[in-house]
């Protein structure tokens, strides 16, 4: 019986990625052509089309208040966008709950804000807390976003991440937690524009 020896598989080139990932261009084209409906609640994270977390009413109230607080503080040089896309590199188009980006709005007629446009990002987290820390945090750090807030609804705390490190293992190297009774500085481009009272974001229910 004759046995045919198979040649060993060739080594993959360094940097080979076995998983297919969509680029931002491909993702945007799928939306434009209706493959992904504009009403579908998804975002592009690390080349993967990911379902966005379900929402509940306490989280939505906190999101609304946070949006109003930041709008009141930000100077005319900045805009506060709610659940709209931003672009980081080839494979990321997340839709953070709030993004503070440079004005005017017409600069984004042809493309979403990018890394150089973004001053800070905010995620309002209840059931999504671990995801916002472990998945979105590194993505935002990779884009060198200087301030990333997680408004932690269940613990009534604002987690502020800063000092981002990019590269192969992006991470925020510093975290500050602000609790009820404290105020969080809103820092954009190294300048403190104002303070947000933590207690304002977590109001008590009234009749």
Foldseek 3Di string as FASTA:
>chain_A
DDDDDDDDDDDDDPPDDPDDFAWPVRVVVCPVVVVPDPPQQWWWAQRDTGHDDDDDDLLVLLLVLVQVVVVVQDDLQKDKDAQAWEDEPTTGTGRARIWIFGDDPVVPPPHHHYLVGTFETEHEDEPCVVCCQPGVQQVVLQSQRAWYWYCYQVQLKIKIFGDWDHDPGIHGPDIDIDHAPDWDFDAGPRDTRDTHHSDSSRDDDDD
